[in-house]
């Protein structure tokens, strides 16, 4: 696999193409090919954003991802919900969107009613995380 990189040598910038074959690198700079032998150090790394780990802490605040109108709320204060359970329906751009619980726990606050028009990122309800009791 060939990797394209920009490198600076003596304050001059070059675009290089790198291909790794074990401890030998094929390097192409301005159409000139070079073979570079290394001590087996790894290939250049592509910086990529890591996706959030499943172990990351999730908020119990359910917010509207887009502006719209609350069609229905399927939970009440004191209800227990499971992660991924549909807690309300939001209509936006003539489509009904199911809003799901981000965590399992108890609904402790509902800040909207059916028929309410809401803005994007408006908090709609709060879920207190499920507490695991030790035995």
C-alpha atoms as a PDB file:
ATOM      1  CA  UNK A   1       0.000   0.000   0.000  1.00  0.00           C
ATOM      2  CA  UNK A   2       1.369   3.384  -0.993  1.00  0.00           C
ATOM      3  CA  UNK A   3       1.100   6.319   1.386  1.00  0.00           C
ATOM      4  CA  UNK A   4       1.358   9.942   0.278  1.00  0.00           C
ATOM      5  CA  UNK A   5       2.994  12.415   2.667  1.00  0.00           C
ATOM      6  CA  UNK A   6       4.340  15.962   2.682  1.00  0.00           C
ATOM      7  CA  UNK A   7       7.832  16.266   4.114  1.00  0.00           C
ATOM      8  CA  UNK A   8      10.138  19.215   4.703  1.00  0.00           C
ATOM      9  CA  UNK A   9      13.851  18.807   3.972  1.00  0.00           C
ATOM     10  CA  UNK A  10      16.168  21.766   4.549  1.00  0.00           C
ATOM     11  CA  UNK A  11      13.104  24.040   4.761  1.00  0.00           C
ATOM     12  CA  UNK A  12      11.841  22.867   1.345  1.00  0.00           C
ATOM     13  CA  UNK A  13       8.504  21.028   1.151  1.00  0.00           C
ATOM     14  CA  UNK A  14       8.118  17.856  -0.964  1.00  0.00           C
ATOM     15  CA  UNK A  15       5.277  15.450  -1.633  1.00  0.00           C
ATOM     16  CA  UNK A  16       6.546  11.877  -1.313  1.00  0.00           C
ATOM     17  CA  UNK A  17       5.009   8.482  -1.997  1.00  0.00           C
ATOM     18  CA  UNK A  18       6.044   5.719   0.412  1.00  0.00           C
ATOM     19  CA  UNK A  19       5.696   1.974  -0.018  1.00  0.00           C
ATOM     20  CA  UNK A  20       6.913  -0.356   2.726  1.00  0.00           C
ATOM     21  CA  UNK A  21       8.340  -3.826   2.086  1.00  0.00           C
ATOM     22  CA  UNK A  22       9.611  -5.066   5.428  1.00  0.00           C
ATOM     23  CA  UNK A  23      12.742  -3.094   6.303  1.00  0.00           C
ATOM     24  CA  UNK A  24      13.023  -1.475   2.824  1.00  0.00           C
ATOM     25  CA  UNK A  25      11.031   1.614   1.811  1.00  0.00           C
ATOM     26  CA  UNK A  26      10.414   2.649  -1.785  1.00  0.00           C
ATOM     27  CA  UNK A  27      10.301   6.445  -1.766  1.00  0.00           C
ATOM     28  CA  UNK A  28       9.309   8.526  -4.801  1.00  0.00           C
ATOM     29  CA  UNK A  29      10.145  12.245  -4.690  1.00  0.00           C
ATOM     30  CA  UNK A  30       9.511  14.484  -7.736  1.00  0.00           C
ATOM     31  CA  UNK A  31       9.478  11.413  -9.986  1.00  0.00           C
ATOM     32  CA  UNK A  32      12.794  10.069  -8.632  1.00  0.00           C
ATOM     33  CA  UNK A  33      12.691   6.711  -6.885  1.00  0.00           C
ATOM     34  CA  UNK A  34      14.864   5.823  -3.911  1.00  0.00           C
ATOM     35  CA  UNK A  35      15.215   2.690  -1.794  1.00  0.00           C
ATOM     36  CA  UNK A  36      15.688   3.342   1.894  1.00  0.00           C
ATOM     37  CA  UNK A  37      16.652   0.534   4.249  1.00  0.00           C
ATOM     38  CA  UNK A  38      15.619   0.882   7.890  1.00  0.00           C
ATOM     39  CA  UNK A  39      16.097  -1.056  11.086  1.00  0.00           C
ATOM     40  CA  UNK A  40      12.531  -2.387  10.756  1.00  0.00           C
ATOM     41  CA  UNK A  41      10.825   0.593  12.376  1.00  0.00           C
ATOM     42  CA  UNK A  42       7.099   0.711  11.672  1.00  0.00           C
ATOM     43  CA  UNK A  43       5.266   2.274   8.777  1.00  0.00           C
ATOM     44  CA  UNK A  44       4.126   5.887   8.995  1.00  0.00           C
ATOM     45  CA  UNK A  45       0.909   6.095  10.891  1.00  0.00           C
ATOM     46  CA  UNK A  46      -2.255   7.630   9.525  1.00  0.00           C
ATOM     47  CA  UNK A  47      -3.740   9.849  12.218  1.00  0.00           C
ATOM     48  CA  UNK A  48      -7.364   8.839  12.546  1.00  0.00           C
ATOM     49  CA  UNK A  49      -9.932   9.966  14.999  1.00  0.00           C
ATOM     50  CA  UNK A  50     -10.920   7.266  17.409  1.00  0.00           C
ATOM     51  CA  UNK A  51     -14.548   6.467  17.793  1.00  0.00           C
ATOM     52  CA  UNK A  52     -15.913   6.783  21.272  1.00  0.00           C
ATOM     53  CA  UNK A  53     -15.482   3.628  23.278  1.00  0.00           C
ATOM     54  CA  UNK A  54     -18.572   1.792  24.458  1.00  0.00           C
ATOM     55  CA  UNK A  55     -17.147   2.294  27.943  1.00  0.00           C
ATOM     56  CA  UNK A  56     -17.314   6.083  27.650  1.00  0.00           C
ATOM     57  CA  UNK A  57     -19.649   7.853  30.017  1.00  0.00           C
ATOM     58  CA  UNK A  58     -22.936   8.789  28.377  1.00  0.00           C
ATOM     59  CA  UNK A  59     -25.202  11.558  29.537  1.00  0.00           C
ATOM     60  CA  UNK A  60     -28.724  10.863  30.691  1.00  0.00           C
ATOM     61  CA  UNK A  61     -29.957  14.110  29.143  1.00  0.00           C
ATOM     62  CA  UNK A  62     -32.012  13.400  26.028  1.00  0.00           C
ATOM     63  CA  UNK A  63     -31.768  16.358  23.642  1.00  0.00           C
ATOM     64  CA  UNK A  64     -33.333  17.079  20.293  1.00  0.00           C
ATOM     65  CA  UNK A  65     -30.877  16.453  17.453  1.00  0.00           C
ATOM     66  CA  UNK A  66     -32.878  18.770  15.152  1.00  0.00           C
ATOM     67  CA  UNK A  67     -35.596  21.396  15.481  1.00  0.00           C
ATOM     68  CA  UNK A  68     -39.113  20.018  15.292  1.00  0.00           C
ATOM     69  CA  UNK A  69     -42.392  19.293  17.041  1.00  0.00           C
ATOM     70  CA  UNK A  70     -43.004  16.743  19.785  1.00  0.00           C
ATOM     71  CA  UNK A  71     -45.572  14.232  18.498  1.00  0.00           C
ATOM     72  CA  UNK A  72     -45.700  11.852  21.465  1.00  0.00           C
ATOM     73  CA  UNK A  73     -43.886  10.949  24.660  1.00  0.00           C
ATOM     74  CA  UNK A  74     -43.898   7.267  25.556  1.00  0.00           C
ATOM     75  CA  UNK A  75     -42.527   7.567  29.117  1.00  0.00           C
ATOM     76  CA  UNK A  76     -43.487   9.285  32.366  1.00  0.00           C
ATOM     77  CA  UNK A  77     -41.518  10.483  35.376  1.00  0.00           C
ATOM     78  CA  UNK A  78     -40.481   7.471  37.441  1.00  0.00           C
ATOM     79  CA  UNK A  79     -40.507   5.034  34.492  1.00  0.00           C
ATOM     80  CA  UNK A  80     -37.502   2.771  34.028  1.00  0.00           C
ATOM     81  CA  UNK A  81     -36.122   2.765  30.458  1.00  0.00           C
ATOM     82  CA  UNK A  82     -33.510   0.635  28.750  1.00  0.00           C
ATOM     83  CA  UNK A  83     -30.753   2.003  26.551  1.00  0.00           C
ATOM     84  CA  UNK A  84     -32.040   2.263  22.971  1.00  0.00           C
ATOM     85  CA  UNK A  85     -35.716   2.288  23.980  1.00  0.00           C
ATOM     86  CA  UNK A  86     -37.830   4.856  22.116  1.00  0.00           C
ATOM     87  CA  UNK A  87     -38.815   7.571  24.600  1.00  0.00           C
ATOM     88  CA  UNK A  88     -40.489  10.075  22.273  1.00  0.00           C
ATOM     89  CA  UNK A  89     -41.357  10.872  18.675  1.00  0.00           C
ATOM     90  CA  UNK A  90     -40.130  14.126  17.123  1.00  0.00           C
ATOM     91  CA  UNK A  91     -41.539  15.389  13.826  1.00  0.00           C
ATOM     92  CA  UNK A  92     -39.099  17.320  11.666  1.00  0.00           C
ATOM     93  CA  UNK A  93     -39.328  18.091   7.953  1.00  0.00           C
ATOM     94  CA  UNK A  94     -42.555  16.036   7.734  1.00  0.00           C
ATOM     95  CA  UNK A  95     -40.784  12.936   9.058  1.00  0.00           C
ATOM     96  CA  UNK A  96     -41.295  11.287  12.424  1.00  0.00           C
ATOM     97  CA  UNK A  97     -38.034  10.537  14.227  1.00  0.00           C
ATOM     98  CA  UNK A  98     -37.766   8.082  17.083  1.00  0.00           C
ATOM     99  CA  UNK A  99     -35.669   9.529  19.900  1.00  0.00           C
ATOM    100  CA  UNK A 100     -34.033   6.783  21.954  1.00  0.00           C
ATOM    101  CA  UNK A 101     -32.760   6.597  25.513  1.00  0.00           C
ATOM    102  CA  UNK A 102     -28.950   6.972  25.496  1.00  0.00           C
ATOM    103  CA  UNK A 103     -28.628   5.029  28.775  1.00  0.00           C
ATOM    104  CA  UNK A 104     -30.668   2.701  30.970  1.00  0.00           C
ATOM    105  CA  UNK A 105     -32.192   4.242  34.067  1.00  0.00           C
ATOM    106  CA  UNK A 106     -35.131   6.074  35.566  1.00  0.00           C
ATOM    107  CA  UNK A 107     -36.829   9.060  33.932  1.00  0.00           C
ATOM    108  CA  UNK A 108     -36.525  11.907  36.453  1.00  0.00           C
ATOM    109  CA  UNK A 109     -37.560  14.958  34.434  1.00  0.00           C
ATOM    110  CA  UNK A 110     -39.623  15.644  31.306  1.00  0.00           C
ATOM    111  CA  UNK A 111     -39.209  19.155  29.873  1.00  0.00           C
ATOM    112  CA  UNK A 112     -41.636  19.004  26.948  1.00  0.00           C
ATOM    113  CA  UNK A 113     -45.192  18.047  26.021  1.00  0.00           C
ATOM    114  CA  UNK A 114     -46.797  16.716  22.844  1.00  0.00           C
ATOM    115  CA  UNK A 115     -47.364  19.631  20.473  1.00  0.00           C
ATOM    116  CA  UNK A 116     -44.358  21.645  21.696  1.00  0.00           C
ATOM    117  CA  UNK A 117     -42.122  23.169  19.026  1.00  0.00           C
ATOM    118  CA  UNK A 118     -38.488  22.781  20.027  1.00  0.00           C
ATOM    119  CA  UNK A 119     -35.098  23.953  18.831  1.00  0.00           C
ATOM    120  CA  UNK A 120     -32.095  21.736  18.041  1.00  0.00           C
ATOM    121  CA  UNK A 121     -30.145  20.607  21.111  1.00  0.00           C
ATOM    122  CA  UNK A 122     -33.043  21.420  23.451  1.00  0.00           C
ATOM    123  CA  UNK A 123     -33.060  19.164  26.518  1.00  0.00           C
ATOM    124  CA  UNK A 124     -36.236  17.073  26.405  1.00  0.00           C
ATOM    125  CA  UNK A 125     -35.931  14.696  29.340  1.00  0.00           C
ATOM    126  CA  UNK A 126     -33.453  13.434  31.902  1.00  0.00           C
ATOM    127  CA  UNK A 127     -32.670   9.803  32.726  1.00  0.00           C
ATOM    128  CA  UNK A 128     -30.888   9.024  35.980  1.00  0.00           C
ATOM    129  CA  UNK A 129     -28.393   6.193  35.282  1.00  0.00           C
ATOM    130  CA  UNK A 130     -29.189   2.710  36.477  1.00  0.00           C
ATOM    131  CA  UNK A 131     -27.246   1.939  39.629  1.00  0.00           C
ATOM    132  CA  UNK A 132     -25.854  -1.561  39.972  1.00  0.00           C
ATOM    133  CA  UNK A 133     -26.062  -2.740  43.544  1.00  0.00           C
ATOM    134  CA  UNK A 134     -23.223  -4.819  44.920  1.00  0.00           C
ATOM    135  CA  UNK A 135     -24.068  -7.968  46.801  1.00  0.00           C
END
